[in-house]
Amino acid sequence: MSEYGGNGSSKQPLADLVDDERPGRIVDLAAACVDYVRASTKTELDLSVETLPLLDHYLATARQDADKNPELFKLLTRTAGAYFGEVLRVQHDGFWRADTEDAHLWNVCFRPVFMWVNPVGAVWDALCQSTDHEGPSSKVGVVGDDQRTVQQRLDSLALVSDEEYYMLATRAEVIEIAIDAVRTGMRLDGREDARFDEADYEAELGEVD
């Protein structure tokens, strides 16, 4: 299992830095991502959003090789996707729905808002520099009036370059903005105390396996 500390802190196993609300395959894949980035950049990922630009840099340098090697491409999307999903899960009180080998069905779901996202899809976007690919969709999932709330908030954001648009650091910012927009709407509607769990998401998304 990978160990890392970040910012000069004492190193701890990846499993000790997060709780148990993720499948074992996610732990292993995220740990592999930490290993790959460390070997390439001599720098440690620490599950913080501040180190996502480091992961973006690693993916940019690996893109050309991944384009020529389907197995490497699959490995990168799954390992980096698992790590990115862990960042989102820890940052926004989420949990994984990934009890299947099919990464198209993997999602990180959030408890404070009814919203989900496939982190592997975001890595596909980053490697392809496009949303037109055979991988999972990276679109943020919301329902009902929250769809309009999120769309209006995202439409108000400043335009960025294509390269910046597909970065995981940018995607993390967009997800945080979307969550904040929905939370604001929930407070206005008197729903600020609502919490969403596996049963809520299963009713909307169906069983994973």
N, C-alpha and C. Protein backbone atom coordinates (compact mmCIF):
# COMPACT_ATOMS: atom_id res chain seq x y z
N MET A 1 0.84 -1.19 0.00
CA MET A 1 0.00 0.00 0.00
C MET A 1 0.88 1.24 0.00
N SER A 2 0.51 2.23 -0.78
CA SER A 2 1.30 3.45 -0.86
C SER A 2 1.26 4.21 0.45
N GLU A 3 2.36 4.94 0.73
CA GLU A 3 2.40 5.82 1.86
C GLU A 3 2.81 7.20 1.38
N TYR A 4 2.23 8.22 2.00
CA TYR A 4 2.58 9.57 1.62
C TYR A 4 2.15 10.50 2.74
N GLY A 5 2.77 11.62 2.81
CA GLY A 5 2.44 12.54 3.88
C GLY A 5 1.99 13.89 3.38
N GLY A 6 2.70 14.43 2.37
CA GLY A 6 2.35 15.75 1.86
C GLY A 6 2.74 16.85 2.83
N ASN A 7 3.29 17.94 2.27
CA ASN A 7 3.65 19.10 3.07
C ASN A 7 4.61 18.76 4.21
N GLY A 8 5.40 17.71 4.02
CA GLY A 8 6.43 17.38 4.99
C GLY A 8 5.91 16.66 6.22
N SER A 9 4.65 16.27 6.26
CA SER A 9 4.10 15.58 7.42
C SER A 9 4.55 14.14 7.42
N SER A 10 4.38 13.46 8.57
CA SER A 10 4.76 12.06 8.64
C SER A 10 3.88 11.24 7.73
N LYS A 11 4.49 10.24 7.11
CA LYS A 11 3.76 9.45 6.12
C LYS A 11 2.80 8.49 6.79
N GLN A 12 1.63 8.33 6.17
CA GLN A 12 0.63 7.40 6.65
C GLN A 12 0.11 6.59 5.47
N PRO A 13 -0.34 5.36 5.71
CA PRO A 13 -0.95 4.60 4.62
C PRO A 13 -2.19 5.32 4.10
N LEU A 14 -2.45 5.17 2.80
CA LEU A 14 -3.64 5.76 2.21
C LEU A 14 -4.89 5.35 2.97
N ALA A 15 -4.96 4.09 3.38
CA ALA A 15 -6.16 3.59 4.08
C ALA A 15 -6.39 4.31 5.40
N ASP A 16 -5.33 4.87 6.01
CA ASP A 16 -5.48 5.56 7.29
C ASP A 16 -5.97 6.99 7.12
N LEU A 17 -5.85 7.53 5.91
CA LEU A 17 -6.21 8.93 5.68
C LEU A 17 -7.66 9.11 5.26
N VAL A 18 -8.34 8.03 4.95
CA VAL A 18 -9.74 8.10 4.55
C VAL A 18 -10.51 7.05 5.33
N ASP A 19 -11.83 7.18 5.35
CA ASP A 19 -12.62 6.21 6.09
C ASP A 19 -12.88 4.97 5.23
N ASP A 20 -13.77 4.13 5.69
CA ASP A 20 -13.97 2.84 5.03
C ASP A 20 -15.07 2.84 4.00
N GLU A 21 -15.54 4.01 3.58
CA GLU A 21 -16.69 4.06 2.70
C GLU A 21 -16.28 4.08 1.24
N ARG A 22 -15.45 3.12 0.85
CA ARG A 22 -15.10 2.95 -0.56
C ARG A 22 -14.69 1.51 -0.77
N PRO A 23 -15.04 0.94 -1.93
CA PRO A 23 -14.68 -0.44 -2.23
C PRO A 23 -13.17 -0.62 -2.25
N GLY A 24 -12.74 -1.85 -1.96
CA GLY A 24 -11.31 -2.15 -1.95
C GLY A 24 -10.62 -1.82 -3.26
N ARG A 25 -11.32 -2.01 -4.38
CA ARG A 25 -10.68 -1.71 -5.66
C ARG A 25 -10.35 -0.23 -5.78
N ILE A 26 -11.17 0.61 -5.18
CA ILE A 26 -10.91 2.04 -5.23
C ILE A 26 -9.66 2.38 -4.42
N VAL A 27 -9.52 1.78 -3.25
CA VAL A 27 -8.33 1.99 -2.44
C VAL A 27 -7.08 1.60 -3.22
N ASP A 28 -7.10 0.43 -3.83
CA ASP A 28 -5.93 -0.06 -4.57
C ASP A 28 -5.61 0.82 -5.77
N LEU A 29 -6.64 1.23 -6.51
CA LEU A 29 -6.41 2.06 -7.69
C LEU A 29 -5.90 3.45 -7.30
N ALA A 30 -6.48 4.04 -6.27
CA ALA A 30 -6.03 5.36 -5.83
C ALA A 30 -4.60 5.29 -5.32
N ALA A 31 -4.26 4.22 -4.61
CA ALA A 31 -2.90 4.05 -4.12
C ALA A 31 -1.92 3.91 -5.29
N ALA A 32 -2.34 3.20 -6.34
CA ALA A 32 -1.49 3.06 -7.52
C ALA A 32 -1.25 4.42 -8.17
N CYS A 33 -2.28 5.25 -8.21
CA CYS A 33 -2.13 6.59 -8.77
C CYS A 33 -1.09 7.38 -7.99
N VAL A 34 -1.14 7.30 -6.67
CA VAL A 34 -0.14 7.98 -5.84
C VAL A 34 1.26 7.48 -6.19
N ASP A 35 1.40 6.16 -6.35
CA ASP A 35 2.70 5.58 -6.71
C ASP A 35 3.20 6.12 -8.05
N TYR A 36 2.33 6.14 -9.05
CA TYR A 36 2.74 6.58 -10.39
C TYR A 36 3.18 8.04 -10.39
N VAL A 37 2.41 8.88 -9.70
CA VAL A 37 2.75 10.31 -9.67
C VAL A 37 4.05 10.52 -8.90
N ARG A 38 4.22 9.79 -7.80
CA ARG A 38 5.46 9.92 -7.05
C ARG A 38 6.66 9.52 -7.90
N ALA A 39 6.54 8.41 -8.63
CA ALA A 39 7.65 7.94 -9.45
C ALA A 39 7.97 8.93 -10.57
N SER A 40 6.94 9.59 -11.09
CA SER A 40 7.13 10.50 -12.22
C SER A 40 7.60 11.88 -11.78
N THR A 41 7.08 12.37 -10.65
CA THR A 41 7.33 13.77 -10.26
C THR A 41 8.11 13.93 -8.97
N LYS A 42 8.33 12.81 -8.26
CA LYS A 42 9.01 12.85 -6.96
C LYS A 42 8.24 13.69 -5.94
N THR A 43 6.94 13.78 -6.14
CA THR A 43 6.09 14.56 -5.25
C THR A 43 4.91 13.70 -4.82
N GLU A 44 4.43 13.93 -3.60
CA GLU A 44 3.37 13.11 -3.04
C GLU A 44 1.99 13.76 -3.20
N LEU A 45 1.04 12.99 -3.64
CA LEU A 45 -0.37 13.41 -3.60
C LEU A 45 -0.90 13.16 -2.19
N ASP A 46 -1.79 14.02 -1.72
CA ASP A 46 -2.26 13.89 -0.34
C ASP A 46 -3.78 14.02 -0.18
N LEU A 47 -4.51 13.76 -1.25
CA LEU A 47 -5.98 13.83 -1.23
C LEU A 47 -6.51 15.24 -1.06
N SER A 48 -5.68 16.25 -1.27
CA SER A 48 -6.15 17.63 -1.20
C SER A 48 -6.41 18.16 -2.60
N VAL A 49 -7.35 19.09 -2.72
CA VAL A 49 -7.62 19.69 -4.02
C VAL A 49 -6.42 20.50 -4.50
N GLU A 50 -5.59 20.95 -3.55
CA GLU A 50 -4.43 21.76 -3.92
C GLU A 50 -3.41 20.99 -4.73
N THR A 51 -3.39 19.66 -4.62
CA THR A 51 -2.43 18.87 -5.38
C THR A 51 -3.00 18.32 -6.69
N LEU A 52 -4.25 18.66 -7.00
CA LEU A 52 -4.81 18.21 -8.27
C LEU A 52 -4.06 18.75 -9.49
N PRO A 53 -3.52 19.98 -9.46
CA PRO A 53 -2.71 20.43 -10.60
C PRO A 53 -1.51 19.51 -10.85
N LEU A 54 -0.98 18.90 -9.80
CA LEU A 54 0.11 17.95 -9.98
C LEU A 54 -0.37 16.72 -10.75
N LEU A 55 -1.55 16.24 -10.41
CA LEU A 55 -2.12 15.12 -11.15
C LEU A 55 -2.43 15.51 -12.58
N ASP A 56 -2.93 16.72 -12.79
CA ASP A 56 -3.16 17.21 -14.15
C ASP A 56 -1.87 17.23 -14.96
N HIS A 57 -0.79 17.67 -14.35
CA HIS A 57 0.50 17.70 -15.03
C HIS A 57 0.94 16.29 -15.40
N TYR A 58 0.77 15.36 -14.48
CA TYR A 58 1.14 13.97 -14.76
C TYR A 58 0.33 13.41 -15.93
N LEU A 59 -0.98 13.66 -15.94
CA LEU A 59 -1.81 13.15 -17.03
C LEU A 59 -1.43 13.79 -18.36
N ALA A 60 -1.07 15.07 -18.34
CA ALA A 60 -0.67 15.75 -19.58
C ALA A 60 0.59 15.13 -20.15
N THR A 61 1.53 14.76 -19.28
CA THR A 61 2.78 14.16 -19.77
C THR A 61 2.56 12.72 -20.24
N ALA A 62 1.55 12.05 -19.68
CA ALA A 62 1.29 10.65 -20.05
C ALA A 62 0.33 10.52 -21.23
N ARG A 63 -0.27 11.64 -21.66
CA ARG A 63 -1.34 11.58 -22.66
C ARG A 63 -0.88 10.96 -23.98
N GLN A 64 0.28 11.36 -24.43
CA GLN A 64 0.75 10.87 -25.73
C GLN A 64 0.96 9.37 -25.71
N ASP A 65 1.59 8.86 -24.66
CA ASP A 65 1.80 7.42 -24.54
C ASP A 65 0.48 6.68 -24.39
N ALA A 66 -0.45 7.26 -23.64
CA ALA A 66 -1.74 6.61 -23.44
C ALA A 66 -2.53 6.52 -24.73
N ASP A 67 -2.40 7.53 -25.60
CA ASP A 67 -3.10 7.50 -26.88
C ASP A 67 -2.66 6.34 -27.75
N LYS A 68 -1.43 5.89 -27.56
CA LYS A 68 -0.88 4.81 -28.38
C LYS A 68 -1.04 3.43 -27.74
N ASN A 69 -1.47 3.41 -26.47
CA ASN A 69 -1.51 2.16 -25.72
C ASN A 69 -2.84 2.04 -24.98
N PRO A 70 -3.80 1.29 -25.54
CA PRO A 70 -5.12 1.18 -24.92
C PRO A 70 -5.09 0.67 -23.49
N GLU A 71 -4.18 -0.26 -23.19
CA GLU A 71 -4.10 -0.78 -21.83
C GLU A 71 -3.63 0.29 -20.85
N LEU A 72 -2.65 1.08 -21.27
CA LEU A 72 -2.18 2.18 -20.43
C LEU A 72 -3.29 3.21 -20.24
N PHE A 73 -4.03 3.49 -21.31
CA PHE A 73 -5.14 4.44 -21.24
C PHE A 73 -6.17 3.97 -20.21
N LYS A 74 -6.53 2.70 -20.27
CA LYS A 74 -7.51 2.15 -19.33
C LYS A 74 -6.98 2.24 -17.90
N LEU A 75 -5.70 1.92 -17.72
CA LEU A 75 -5.11 1.96 -16.39
C LEU A 75 -5.12 3.38 -15.84
N LEU A 76 -4.74 4.35 -16.66
CA LEU A 76 -4.70 5.73 -16.21
C LEU A 76 -6.08 6.26 -15.84
N THR A 77 -7.08 5.93 -16.65
CA THR A 77 -8.42 6.44 -16.35
C THR A 77 -8.95 5.87 -15.04
N ARG A 78 -8.65 4.63 -14.78
CA ARG A 78 -9.17 4.00 -13.56
C ARG A 78 -8.40 4.44 -12.32
N THR A 79 -7.06 4.49 -12.42
CA THR A 79 -6.27 4.87 -11.24
C THR A 79 -6.46 6.35 -10.91
N ALA A 80 -6.32 7.21 -11.92
CA ALA A 80 -6.50 8.65 -11.68
C ALA A 80 -7.95 8.95 -11.33
N GLY A 81 -8.89 8.22 -11.94
CA GLY A 81 -10.30 8.42 -11.61
C GLY A 81 -10.61 8.05 -10.17
N ALA A 82 -10.01 6.95 -9.70
CA ALA A 82 -10.21 6.55 -8.31
C ALA A 82 -9.64 7.59 -7.36
N TYR A 83 -8.45 8.09 -7.69
CA TYR A 83 -7.85 9.10 -6.82
C TYR A 83 -8.68 10.39 -6.83
N PHE A 84 -9.06 10.86 -8.01
CA PHE A 84 -9.87 12.07 -8.10
C PHE A 84 -11.18 11.91 -7.35
N GLY A 85 -11.78 10.75 -7.47
CA GLY A 85 -13.02 10.48 -6.75
C GLY A 85 -12.83 10.52 -5.24
N GLU A 86 -11.68 10.01 -4.78
CA GLU A 86 -11.39 10.06 -3.35
C GLU A 86 -11.25 11.50 -2.86
N VAL A 87 -10.63 12.34 -3.68
CA VAL A 87 -10.52 13.76 -3.31
C VAL A 87 -11.92 14.36 -3.15
N LEU A 88 -12.79 14.10 -4.12
CA LEU A 88 -14.16 14.63 -4.06
C LEU A 88 -14.92 14.05 -2.88
N ARG A 89 -14.77 12.77 -2.64
CA ARG A 89 -15.50 12.11 -1.56
C ARG A 89 -15.12 12.69 -0.21
N VAL A 90 -13.82 12.84 0.02
CA VAL A 90 -13.35 13.38 1.29
C VAL A 90 -13.73 14.85 1.44
N GLN A 91 -13.60 15.60 0.35
CA GLN A 91 -13.84 17.05 0.39
C GLN A 91 -15.30 17.39 0.64
N HIS A 92 -16.21 16.57 0.10
CA HIS A 92 -17.63 16.96 0.10
C HIS A 92 -18.54 15.93 0.77
N ASP A 93 -18.01 15.11 1.68
CA ASP A 93 -18.82 14.16 2.42
C ASP A 93 -19.61 13.26 1.47
N GLY A 94 -18.89 12.45 0.73
CA GLY A 94 -19.53 11.58 -0.24
C GLY A 94 -19.26 10.11 0.03
N PHE A 95 -19.76 9.29 -0.86
CA PHE A 95 -19.48 7.85 -0.79
C PHE A 95 -19.49 7.29 -2.20
N TRP A 96 -18.84 6.16 -2.36
CA TRP A 96 -18.73 5.52 -3.68
C TRP A 96 -19.89 4.57 -3.93
N ARG A 97 -20.33 4.53 -5.18
CA ARG A 97 -21.15 3.44 -5.70
C ARG A 97 -20.31 2.83 -6.82
N ALA A 98 -19.53 1.82 -6.47
CA ALA A 98 -18.57 1.25 -7.42
C ALA A 98 -18.37 -0.23 -7.19
N ASP A 99 -19.43 -0.91 -6.81
CA ASP A 99 -19.33 -2.34 -6.55
C ASP A 99 -19.50 -3.16 -7.82
N THR A 100 -18.71 -2.81 -8.83
CA THR A 100 -18.74 -3.49 -10.11
C THR A 100 -17.42 -3.21 -10.82
N GLU A 101 -17.03 -4.08 -11.73
CA GLU A 101 -15.81 -3.86 -12.50
C GLU A 101 -16.01 -2.81 -13.59
N ASP A 102 -17.25 -2.53 -13.93
CA ASP A 102 -17.54 -1.61 -15.02
C ASP A 102 -17.43 -0.16 -14.54
N ALA A 103 -16.34 0.50 -14.93
CA ALA A 103 -16.10 1.87 -14.48
C ALA A 103 -17.14 2.85 -15.01
N HIS A 104 -17.89 2.47 -16.04
CA HIS A 104 -18.97 3.35 -16.53
C HIS A 104 -20.04 3.54 -15.47
N LEU A 105 -20.11 2.63 -14.50
CA LEU A 105 -21.15 2.68 -13.48
C LEU A 105 -20.65 3.23 -12.15
N TRP A 106 -19.40 3.64 -12.10
CA TRP A 106 -18.85 4.17 -10.86
C TRP A 106 -19.30 5.61 -10.66
N ASN A 107 -19.70 5.92 -9.46
CA ASN A 107 -20.06 7.30 -9.12
C ASN A 107 -19.66 7.62 -7.70
N VAL A 108 -19.29 8.85 -7.48
CA VAL A 108 -19.20 9.40 -6.12
C VAL A 108 -20.48 10.19 -5.89
N CYS A 109 -21.18 9.85 -4.82
CA CYS A 109 -22.45 10.49 -4.47
C CYS A 109 -22.26 11.32 -3.20
N PHE A 110 -22.95 12.43 -3.12
CA PHE A 110 -22.75 13.34 -2.00
C PHE A 110 -23.95 13.33 -1.06
N ARG A 111 -23.67 13.40 0.23
CA ARG A 111 -24.73 13.38 1.24
C ARG A 111 -25.41 14.74 1.43
N PRO A 112 -24.67 15.85 1.46
CA PRO A 112 -25.35 17.14 1.73
C PRO A 112 -26.27 17.60 0.61
N VAL A 113 -26.02 17.12 -0.62
CA VAL A 113 -26.87 17.44 -1.77
C VAL A 113 -27.10 16.17 -2.57
N PHE A 114 -28.20 16.15 -3.33
CA PHE A 114 -28.46 14.97 -4.17
C PHE A 114 -27.77 15.22 -5.50
N MET A 115 -26.51 14.81 -5.56
CA MET A 115 -25.67 15.06 -6.73
C MET A 115 -24.62 13.96 -6.81
N TRP A 116 -24.28 13.57 -8.03
CA TRP A 116 -23.30 12.51 -8.23
C TRP A 116 -22.46 12.81 -9.46
N VAL A 117 -21.31 12.15 -9.53
CA VAL A 117 -20.41 12.35 -10.67
C VAL A 117 -19.53 11.11 -10.82
N ASN A 118 -19.19 10.79 -12.08
CA ASN A 118 -18.28 9.69 -12.36
C ASN A 118 -16.87 10.26 -12.54
N PRO A 119 -15.97 10.07 -11.57
CA PRO A 119 -14.64 10.65 -11.68
C PRO A 119 -13.80 10.06 -12.80
N VAL A 120 -14.07 8.81 -13.15
CA VAL A 120 -13.33 8.19 -14.26
C VAL A 120 -13.65 8.92 -15.56
N GLY A 121 -14.90 9.32 -15.72
CA GLY A 121 -15.28 10.09 -16.90
C GLY A 121 -14.51 11.38 -17.02
N ALA A 122 -14.25 12.03 -15.87
CA ALA A 122 -13.49 13.28 -15.89
C ALA A 122 -12.07 13.05 -16.38
N VAL A 123 -11.48 11.90 -16.03
CA VAL A 123 -10.12 11.59 -16.49
C VAL A 123 -10.13 11.26 -17.99
N TRP A 124 -11.16 10.56 -18.44
CA TRP A 124 -11.31 10.36 -19.89
C TRP A 124 -11.32 11.70 -20.61
N ASP A 125 -12.10 12.65 -20.11
CA ASP A 125 -12.15 13.98 -20.72
C ASP A 125 -10.77 14.62 -20.76
N ALA A 126 -10.05 14.50 -19.65
CA ALA A 126 -8.73 15.13 -19.55
C ALA A 126 -7.75 14.52 -20.55
N LEU A 127 -7.77 13.20 -20.69
CA LEU A 127 -6.84 12.54 -21.61
C LEU A 127 -7.22 12.76 -23.07
N CYS A 128 -8.52 12.79 -23.35
CA CYS A 128 -9.00 12.97 -24.72
C CYS A 128 -9.13 14.45 -25.11
N GLN A 129 -9.08 15.33 -24.09
CA GLN A 129 -9.33 16.75 -24.32
C GLN A 129 -10.67 16.96 -25.04
N SER A 130 -11.64 16.17 -24.63
CA SER A 130 -12.95 16.20 -25.25
C SER A 130 -13.93 15.39 -24.39
N THR A 131 -15.21 15.67 -24.54
CA THR A 131 -16.24 14.83 -23.91
C THR A 131 -16.78 13.81 -24.91
N ASP A 132 -16.28 13.84 -26.13
CA ASP A 132 -16.71 12.92 -27.18
C ASP A 132 -15.77 11.72 -27.20
N HIS A 133 -16.09 10.71 -26.40
CA HIS A 133 -15.25 9.53 -26.28
C HIS A 133 -16.11 8.35 -25.85
N GLU A 134 -15.49 7.18 -25.72
CA GLU A 134 -16.22 5.96 -25.37
C GLU A 134 -16.28 5.72 -23.87
N GLY A 135 -15.70 6.60 -23.10
CA GLY A 135 -15.68 6.43 -21.66
C GLY A 135 -16.96 6.90 -21.00
N PRO A 136 -16.99 6.84 -19.67
CA PRO A 136 -18.17 7.29 -18.94
C PRO A 136 -18.40 8.79 -19.09
N SER A 137 -19.62 9.21 -18.96
CA SER A 137 -19.93 10.64 -18.96
C SER A 137 -19.44 11.25 -17.64
N SER A 138 -18.88 12.44 -17.74
CA SER A 138 -18.42 13.15 -16.55
C SER A 138 -19.44 14.19 -16.09
N LYS A 139 -20.58 14.23 -16.73
CA LYS A 139 -21.59 15.24 -16.40
C LYS A 139 -22.06 15.09 -14.97
N VAL A 140 -22.16 16.20 -14.27
CA VAL A 140 -22.65 16.18 -12.89
C VAL A 140 -24.13 15.82 -12.90
N GLY A 141 -24.49 14.83 -12.10
CA GLY A 141 -25.88 14.37 -12.04
C GLY A 141 -26.67 15.10 -10.97
N VAL A 142 -27.76 15.72 -11.36
CA VAL A 142 -28.70 16.37 -10.44
C VAL A 142 -30.10 16.14 -10.99
N VAL A 143 -31.10 16.38 -10.16
CA VAL A 143 -32.49 16.13 -10.58
C VAL A 143 -33.36 17.33 -10.23
N GLY A 144 -34.54 17.37 -10.85
CA GLY A 144 -35.55 18.36 -10.52
C GLY A 144 -35.10 19.79 -10.71
N ASP A 145 -35.53 20.65 -9.81
CA ASP A 145 -35.20 22.07 -9.90
C ASP A 145 -33.70 22.33 -9.74
N ASP A 146 -33.01 21.39 -9.09
CA ASP A 146 -31.57 21.57 -8.90
C ASP A 146 -30.83 21.59 -10.24
N GLN A 147 -31.38 20.95 -11.25
CA GLN A 147 -30.76 20.99 -12.58
C GLN A 147 -30.69 22.41 -13.10
N ARG A 148 -31.78 23.13 -13.00
CA ARG A 148 -31.82 24.52 -13.46
C ARG A 148 -30.91 25.40 -12.61
N THR A 149 -30.92 25.17 -11.30
CA THR A 149 -30.08 25.94 -10.39
C THR A 149 -28.61 25.80 -10.76
N VAL A 150 -28.18 24.55 -10.97
CA VAL A 150 -26.78 24.29 -11.30
C VAL A 150 -26.43 24.88 -12.66
N GLN A 151 -27.30 24.69 -13.65
CA GLN A 151 -27.01 25.17 -14.99
C GLN A 151 -26.89 26.69 -15.02
N GLN A 152 -27.77 27.37 -14.33
CA GLN A 152 -27.72 28.83 -14.29
C GLN A 152 -26.42 29.30 -13.64
N ARG A 153 -26.00 28.63 -12.59
CA ARG A 153 -24.77 29.04 -11.91
C ARG A 153 -23.56 28.77 -12.80
N LEU A 154 -23.52 27.62 -13.46
CA LEU A 154 -22.38 27.29 -14.31
C LEU A 154 -22.34 28.19 -15.54
N ASP A 155 -23.50 28.57 -16.05
CA ASP A 155 -23.54 29.46 -17.22
C ASP A 155 -22.97 30.84 -16.90
N SER A 156 -22.93 31.19 -15.63
CA SER A 156 -22.43 32.51 -15.24
C SER A 156 -20.91 32.55 -15.08
N LEU A 157 -20.27 31.39 -15.16
CA LEU A 157 -18.83 31.34 -14.95
C LEU A 157 -18.08 31.89 -16.15
N ALA A 158 -16.91 32.42 -15.89
CA ALA A 158 -16.07 32.95 -16.97
C ALA A 158 -15.58 31.82 -17.86
N LEU A 159 -15.39 32.12 -19.15
CA LEU A 159 -14.88 31.14 -20.09
C LEU A 159 -13.40 30.87 -19.81
N VAL A 160 -13.00 29.62 -20.04
CA VAL A 160 -11.59 29.25 -19.87
C VAL A 160 -11.12 28.56 -21.15
N SER A 161 -9.82 28.37 -21.28
CA SER A 161 -9.27 27.68 -22.44
C SER A 161 -9.68 26.21 -22.41
N ASP A 162 -9.61 25.56 -23.59
CA ASP A 162 -9.94 24.14 -23.66
C ASP A 162 -9.06 23.33 -22.72
N GLU A 163 -7.78 23.65 -22.68
CA GLU A 163 -6.85 22.89 -21.83
C GLU A 163 -7.24 23.01 -20.36
N GLU A 164 -7.55 24.22 -19.92
CA GLU A 164 -7.94 24.42 -18.52
C GLU A 164 -9.30 23.78 -18.24
N TYR A 165 -10.19 23.82 -19.22
CA TYR A 165 -11.54 23.29 -19.05
C TYR A 165 -11.52 21.81 -18.65
N TYR A 166 -10.60 21.04 -19.24
CA TYR A 166 -10.58 19.60 -19.00
C TYR A 166 -9.70 19.19 -17.83
N MET A 167 -9.06 20.14 -17.16
CA MET A 167 -8.22 19.79 -16.02
C MET A 167 -9.07 19.32 -14.84
N LEU A 168 -8.54 18.35 -14.09
CA LEU A 168 -9.26 17.87 -12.92
C LEU A 168 -9.36 18.96 -11.86
N ALA A 169 -8.37 19.82 -11.77
CA ALA A 169 -8.44 20.93 -10.81
C ALA A 169 -9.63 21.84 -11.13
N THR A 170 -9.82 22.10 -12.42
CA THR A 170 -10.97 22.91 -12.83
C THR A 170 -12.27 22.19 -12.55
N ARG A 171 -12.31 20.89 -12.86
CA ARG A 171 -13.52 20.11 -12.61
C ARG A 171 -13.88 20.09 -11.13
N ALA A 172 -12.88 20.02 -10.27
CA ALA A 172 -13.14 20.04 -8.83
C ALA A 172 -13.76 21.37 -8.42
N GLU A 173 -13.28 22.47 -9.00
CA GLU A 173 -13.85 23.78 -8.71
C GLU A 173 -15.30 23.86 -9.18
N VAL A 174 -15.57 23.33 -10.35
CA VAL A 174 -16.93 23.35 -10.90
C VAL A 174 -17.88 22.55 -10.01
N ILE A 175 -17.43 21.40 -9.55
CA ILE A 175 -18.27 20.57 -8.68
C ILE A 175 -18.54 21.28 -7.36
N GLU A 176 -17.52 21.94 -6.82
CA GLU A 176 -17.73 22.70 -5.58
C GLU A 176 -18.74 23.83 -5.78
N ILE A 177 -18.64 24.52 -6.91
CA ILE A 177 -19.59 25.59 -7.22
C ILE A 177 -21.00 25.03 -7.37
N ALA A 178 -21.13 23.89 -8.04
CA ALA A 178 -22.45 23.27 -8.21
C ALA A 178 -23.04 22.87 -6.87
N ILE A 179 -22.22 22.29 -6.01
CA ILE A 179 -22.70 21.90 -4.68
C ILE A 179 -23.15 23.13 -3.89
N ASP A 180 -22.36 24.18 -3.94
CA ASP A 180 -22.73 25.41 -3.22
C ASP A 180 -24.04 25.99 -3.75
N ALA A 181 -24.23 25.92 -5.07
CA ALA A 181 -25.46 26.45 -5.67
C ALA A 181 -26.67 25.67 -5.18
N VAL A 182 -26.55 24.35 -5.15
CA VAL A 182 -27.67 23.53 -4.68
C VAL A 182 -27.91 23.74 -3.20
N ARG A 183 -26.84 23.84 -2.41
CA ARG A 183 -26.99 24.08 -0.98
C ARG A 183 -27.71 25.41 -0.71
N THR A 184 -27.39 26.43 -1.50
CA THR A 184 -28.06 27.72 -1.35
C THR A 184 -29.55 27.57 -1.63
N GLY A 185 -29.88 26.85 -2.71
CA GLY A 185 -31.28 26.61 -3.02
C GLY A 185 -31.99 25.82 -1.94
N MET A 186 -31.30 24.86 -1.36
CA MET A 186 -31.89 24.06 -0.29
C MET A 186 -32.19 24.91 0.94
N ARG A 187 -31.30 25.83 1.26
CA ARG A 187 -31.54 26.71 2.40
C ARG A 187 -32.75 27.60 2.16
N LEU A 188 -32.87 28.11 0.95
CA LEU A 188 -34.01 28.97 0.62
C LEU A 188 -35.32 28.19 0.68
N ASP A 189 -35.26 26.89 0.37
CA ASP A 189 -36.46 26.05 0.36
C ASP A 189 -36.71 25.38 1.71
N GLY A 190 -35.85 25.65 2.68
CA GLY A 190 -36.01 25.01 3.98
C GLY A 190 -35.58 23.56 4.00
N ARG A 191 -34.70 23.18 3.08
CA ARG A 191 -34.23 21.79 3.01
C ARG A 191 -32.79 21.64 3.47
N GLU A 192 -32.28 22.62 4.22
CA GLU A 192 -30.85 22.61 4.55
C GLU A 192 -30.43 21.43 5.41
N ASP A 193 -31.38 20.79 6.10
CA ASP A 193 -31.05 19.66 6.97
C ASP A 193 -31.15 18.32 6.26
N ALA A 194 -31.51 18.34 5.00
CA ALA A 194 -31.66 17.07 4.26
C ALA A 194 -30.31 16.37 4.10
N ARG A 195 -30.35 15.05 4.16
CA ARG A 195 -29.16 14.23 3.92
C ARG A 195 -29.57 13.09 3.01
N PHE A 196 -28.66 12.66 2.14
CA PHE A 196 -28.99 11.65 1.15
C PHE A 196 -28.04 10.46 1.31
N ASP A 197 -28.62 9.26 1.27
CA ASP A 197 -27.82 8.06 1.49
C ASP A 197 -27.94 7.09 0.32
N GLU A 198 -27.40 5.92 0.50
CA GLU A 198 -27.37 4.92 -0.56
C GLU A 198 -28.77 4.60 -1.08
N ALA A 199 -29.75 4.51 -0.19
CA ALA A 199 -31.11 4.18 -0.61
C ALA A 199 -31.68 5.25 -1.54
N ASP A 200 -31.39 6.50 -1.26
CA ASP A 200 -31.87 7.59 -2.12
C ASP A 200 -31.28 7.47 -3.52
N TYR A 201 -29.98 7.20 -3.58
CA TYR A 201 -29.32 7.11 -4.88
C TYR A 201 -29.70 5.83 -5.64
N GLU A 202 -29.92 4.76 -4.91
CA GLU A 202 -30.33 3.53 -5.57
C GLU A 202 -31.71 3.71 -6.20
N ALA A 203 -32.59 4.45 -5.55
CA ALA A 203 -33.93 4.70 -6.10
C ALA A 203 -33.83 5.48 -7.42
N GLU A 204 -32.84 6.36 -7.53
CA GLU A 204 -32.68 7.17 -8.73
C GLU A 204 -31.83 6.50 -9.80
N LEU A 205 -30.73 5.86 -9.36
CA LEU A 205 -29.74 5.33 -10.31
C LEU A 205 -29.83 3.82 -10.49
N GLY A 206 -30.56 3.14 -9.60
CA GLY A 206 -30.66 1.70 -9.69
C GLY A 206 -29.51 1.02 -8.98
N GLU A 207 -29.53 -0.31 -8.93
CA GLU A 207 -28.47 -1.06 -8.29
C GLU A 207 -27.21 -0.99 -9.14
N VAL A 208 -26.06 -1.03 -8.47
CA VAL A 208 -24.77 -0.94 -9.17
C VAL A 208 -24.44 -2.26 -9.82
N ASP A 209 -24.60 -3.36 -9.10
CA ASP A 209 -24.18 -4.67 -9.65
C ASP A 209 -25.37 -5.45 -10.19
